Amino acid sequence: MDNSLQDTSTWTCEGDSGSPLVHELRALEFYLVGILHGSRAVHCTLTTTKSSGLFDNLENKDNQEFIHQCIKMG
């Protein structure tokens, strides 16, 4: 599985890093699958141009280990 997930929508903006990517398993039951790493969108204006967001894939073992190391460091 890849280390990152890519979204082809235009809803992520510069400064949104750290935002969650969730999947609704059932009604009102959500699962965190990614954290926004960045966006190519410079201005947060509605556009028809596609500008993908890049999410760290939390199902990837390497990403999970990195997060646990950061938590231990405080």
N, C-alpha and C. Protein backbone atom coordinates (compact mmCIF):
# COMPACT_ATOMS: atom_id res chain seq x y z
N MET A 1 0.84 -1.18 0.00
CA MET A 1 0.00 0.00 0.00
C MET A 1 0.89 1.24 0.00
N ASP A 2 0.48 2.29 -0.68
CA ASP A 2 1.25 3.52 -0.78
C ASP A 2 1.32 4.25 0.55
N ASN A 3 2.33 5.12 0.67
CA ASN A 3 2.47 5.95 1.86
C ASN A 3 1.50 7.12 1.84
N SER A 4 0.97 7.46 0.68
CA SER A 4 0.10 8.62 0.59
C SER A 4 -1.15 8.31 -0.20
N LEU A 5 -2.15 9.12 0.02
CA LEU A 5 -3.41 9.05 -0.72
C LEU A 5 -3.53 10.36 -1.48
N GLN A 6 -4.12 10.33 -2.64
CA GLN A 6 -4.26 11.56 -3.40
C GLN A 6 -5.72 11.81 -3.71
N ASP A 7 -6.11 13.05 -3.55
CA ASP A 7 -7.48 13.48 -3.79
C ASP A 7 -7.45 14.44 -4.97
N THR A 8 -8.35 14.30 -5.93
CA THR A 8 -8.33 15.16 -7.11
C THR A 8 -9.39 16.26 -7.04
N SER A 9 -9.92 16.51 -5.86
CA SER A 9 -10.89 17.60 -5.72
C SER A 9 -10.13 18.92 -5.56
N THR A 10 -10.87 20.00 -5.42
CA THR A 10 -10.25 21.32 -5.26
C THR A 10 -10.57 21.92 -3.90
N TRP A 11 -10.90 21.11 -2.94
CA TRP A 11 -11.35 21.66 -1.66
C TRP A 11 -10.23 21.87 -0.65
N THR A 12 -9.02 21.43 -0.91
CA THR A 12 -7.93 21.70 0.04
C THR A 12 -7.24 22.99 -0.34
N CYS A 13 -6.79 23.72 0.68
CA CYS A 13 -6.16 25.01 0.45
C CYS A 13 -4.84 25.09 1.18
N GLU A 14 -4.02 26.02 0.76
CA GLU A 14 -2.76 26.29 1.43
C GLU A 14 -3.07 26.61 2.90
N GLY A 15 -2.36 25.98 3.84
CA GLY A 15 -2.60 26.22 5.25
C GLY A 15 -3.51 25.20 5.91
N ASP A 16 -4.07 24.27 5.13
CA ASP A 16 -4.97 23.24 5.67
C ASP A 16 -4.24 22.00 6.17
N SER A 17 -2.92 21.97 6.08
CA SER A 17 -2.16 20.78 6.48
C SER A 17 -2.54 20.34 7.88
N GLY A 18 -2.65 19.03 8.06
CA GLY A 18 -3.05 18.46 9.35
C GLY A 18 -4.53 18.12 9.41
N SER A 19 -5.28 18.52 8.39
CA SER A 19 -6.71 18.21 8.38
C SER A 19 -6.94 16.72 8.18
N PRO A 20 -8.02 16.17 8.77
CA PRO A 20 -8.27 14.73 8.66
C PRO A 20 -8.95 14.35 7.35
N LEU A 21 -8.68 13.12 6.92
CA LEU A 21 -9.42 12.49 5.84
C LEU A 21 -10.13 11.30 6.48
N VAL A 22 -11.46 11.34 6.49
CA VAL A 22 -12.22 10.29 7.16
C VAL A 22 -13.10 9.54 6.17
N HIS A 23 -13.41 8.32 6.54
CA HIS A 23 -14.31 7.47 5.76
C HIS A 23 -15.46 7.08 6.68
N GLU A 24 -16.68 7.27 6.21
CA GLU A 24 -17.84 6.89 7.01
C GLU A 24 -18.16 5.42 6.74
N LEU A 25 -17.92 4.58 7.74
CA LEU A 25 -18.18 3.14 7.60
C LEU A 25 -19.66 2.84 7.62
N ARG A 26 -20.34 3.43 8.57
CA ARG A 26 -21.79 3.34 8.72
C ARG A 26 -22.29 4.72 9.16
N ALA A 27 -23.56 4.89 9.25
CA ALA A 27 -24.11 6.17 9.68
C ALA A 27 -23.50 6.59 11.01
N LEU A 28 -22.87 7.75 11.02
CA LEU A 28 -22.24 8.34 12.20
C LEU A 28 -21.09 7.51 12.79
N GLU A 29 -20.50 6.63 11.99
CA GLU A 29 -19.32 5.87 12.42
C GLU A 29 -18.19 6.17 11.43
N PHE A 30 -17.22 6.95 11.89
CA PHE A 30 -16.17 7.44 11.01
C PHE A 30 -14.82 6.79 11.35
N TYR A 31 -13.98 6.66 10.34
CA TYR A 31 -12.67 6.04 10.48
C TYR A 31 -11.64 6.99 9.87
N LEU A 32 -10.63 7.37 10.65
CA LEU A 32 -9.57 8.26 10.18
C LEU A 32 -8.62 7.47 9.30
N VAL A 33 -8.49 7.86 8.03
CA VAL A 33 -7.63 7.13 7.10
C VAL A 33 -6.43 7.94 6.63
N GLY A 34 -6.45 9.26 6.83
CA GLY A 34 -5.34 10.08 6.37
C GLY A 34 -5.30 11.43 7.03
N ILE A 35 -4.13 12.07 6.89
CA ILE A 35 -3.93 13.42 7.38
C ILE A 35 -3.38 14.24 6.22
N LEU A 36 -3.97 15.40 5.98
CA LEU A 36 -3.57 16.24 4.86
C LEU A 36 -2.13 16.70 5.04
N HIS A 37 -1.32 16.41 4.03
CA HIS A 37 0.09 16.79 4.05
C HIS A 37 0.30 18.10 3.31
N GLY A 38 -0.46 18.32 2.28
CA GLY A 38 -0.29 19.55 1.51
C GLY A 38 -1.28 19.67 0.37
N SER A 39 -1.25 20.82 -0.26
CA SER A 39 -2.13 21.10 -1.38
C SER A 39 -1.37 21.95 -2.38
N ARG A 40 -1.68 21.77 -3.63
CA ARG A 40 -1.06 22.59 -4.66
C ARG A 40 -1.83 23.89 -4.88
N ALA A 41 -3.01 23.99 -4.29
CA ALA A 41 -3.82 25.21 -4.45
C ALA A 41 -3.17 26.35 -3.68
N VAL A 42 -2.92 27.45 -4.34
CA VAL A 42 -2.29 28.60 -3.70
C VAL A 42 -3.34 29.54 -3.12
N HIS A 43 -4.42 29.74 -3.84
CA HIS A 43 -5.48 30.63 -3.40
C HIS A 43 -6.74 29.80 -3.14
N CYS A 44 -7.43 30.08 -2.06
CA CYS A 44 -8.64 29.33 -1.73
C CYS A 44 -9.85 29.99 -2.39
N THR A 45 -9.92 29.86 -3.69
CA THR A 45 -11.04 30.38 -4.45
C THR A 45 -11.66 29.22 -5.21
N LEU A 46 -12.96 29.26 -5.39
CA LEU A 46 -13.64 28.22 -6.16
C LEU A 46 -13.14 28.25 -7.59
N THR A 47 -12.83 27.08 -8.11
CA THR A 47 -12.30 26.98 -9.46
C THR A 47 -12.70 25.64 -10.06
N THR A 48 -12.69 25.56 -11.36
CA THR A 48 -12.93 24.28 -12.02
C THR A 48 -11.62 23.55 -12.27
N THR A 49 -10.49 24.22 -12.02
CA THR A 49 -9.17 23.60 -12.19
C THR A 49 -8.94 22.61 -11.07
N LYS A 50 -8.49 21.42 -11.41
CA LYS A 50 -8.21 20.40 -10.41
C LYS A 50 -6.84 20.67 -9.77
N SER A 51 -6.80 20.67 -8.46
CA SER A 51 -5.57 20.85 -7.70
C SER A 51 -5.59 19.85 -6.57
N SER A 52 -4.82 18.80 -6.70
CA SER A 52 -4.93 17.68 -5.76
C SER A 52 -4.33 17.99 -4.39
N GLY A 53 -4.92 17.36 -3.37
CA GLY A 53 -4.37 17.39 -2.03
C GLY A 53 -3.60 16.09 -1.81
N LEU A 54 -2.62 16.11 -0.94
CA LEU A 54 -1.83 14.93 -0.66
C LEU A 54 -2.01 14.56 0.80
N PHE A 55 -2.46 13.34 1.05
CA PHE A 55 -2.74 12.86 2.40
C PHE A 55 -1.78 11.75 2.78
N ASP A 56 -1.27 11.81 4.02
CA ASP A 56 -0.49 10.69 4.55
C ASP A 56 -1.46 9.56 4.87
N ASN A 57 -1.16 8.37 4.36
CA ASN A 57 -2.02 7.20 4.52
C ASN A 57 -1.77 6.58 5.89
N LEU A 58 -2.74 6.65 6.79
CA LEU A 58 -2.57 6.13 8.14
C LEU A 58 -2.66 4.62 8.22
N GLU A 59 -3.01 3.97 7.13
CA GLU A 59 -3.03 2.51 7.11
C GLU A 59 -1.66 1.94 6.76
N ASN A 60 -0.72 2.80 6.36
CA ASN A 60 0.63 2.38 6.03
C ASN A 60 1.45 2.21 7.31
N LYS A 61 2.11 1.06 7.47
CA LYS A 61 2.85 0.75 8.69
C LYS A 61 3.96 1.76 8.95
N ASP A 62 4.69 2.19 7.93
CA ASP A 62 5.76 3.17 8.12
C ASP A 62 5.23 4.49 8.68
N ASN A 63 4.08 4.93 8.18
CA ASN A 63 3.48 6.17 8.67
C ASN A 63 3.02 6.00 10.12
N GLN A 64 2.47 4.84 10.46
CA GLN A 64 2.04 4.58 11.83
C GLN A 64 3.24 4.61 12.78
N GLU A 65 4.34 3.99 12.39
CA GLU A 65 5.55 3.99 13.23
C GLU A 65 6.09 5.40 13.43
N PHE A 66 6.08 6.20 12.37
CA PHE A 66 6.55 7.58 12.46
C PHE A 66 5.70 8.37 13.46
N ILE A 67 4.38 8.21 13.38
CA ILE A 67 3.48 8.92 14.31
C ILE A 67 3.75 8.49 15.73
N HIS A 68 3.92 7.20 15.98
CA HIS A 68 4.18 6.71 17.34
C HIS A 68 5.51 7.23 17.87
N GLN A 69 6.54 7.35 17.01
CA GLN A 69 7.81 7.91 17.44
C GLN A 69 7.65 9.38 17.83
N CYS A 70 6.89 10.11 17.06
CA CYS A 70 6.66 11.55 17.36
C CYS A 70 5.90 11.70 18.66
N ILE A 71 4.93 10.85 18.91
CA ILE A 71 4.17 10.92 20.16
C ILE A 71 5.07 10.66 21.35
N LYS A 72 5.98 9.68 21.24
CA LYS A 72 6.91 9.38 22.33
C LYS A 72 7.83 10.56 22.63
N MET A 73 8.22 11.31 21.59
CA MET A 73 9.12 12.45 21.77
C MET A 73 8.39 13.64 22.40
N GLY A 74 7.05 13.60 22.38
CA GLY A 74 6.28 14.68 23.00
C GLY A 74 6.04 15.78 22.05
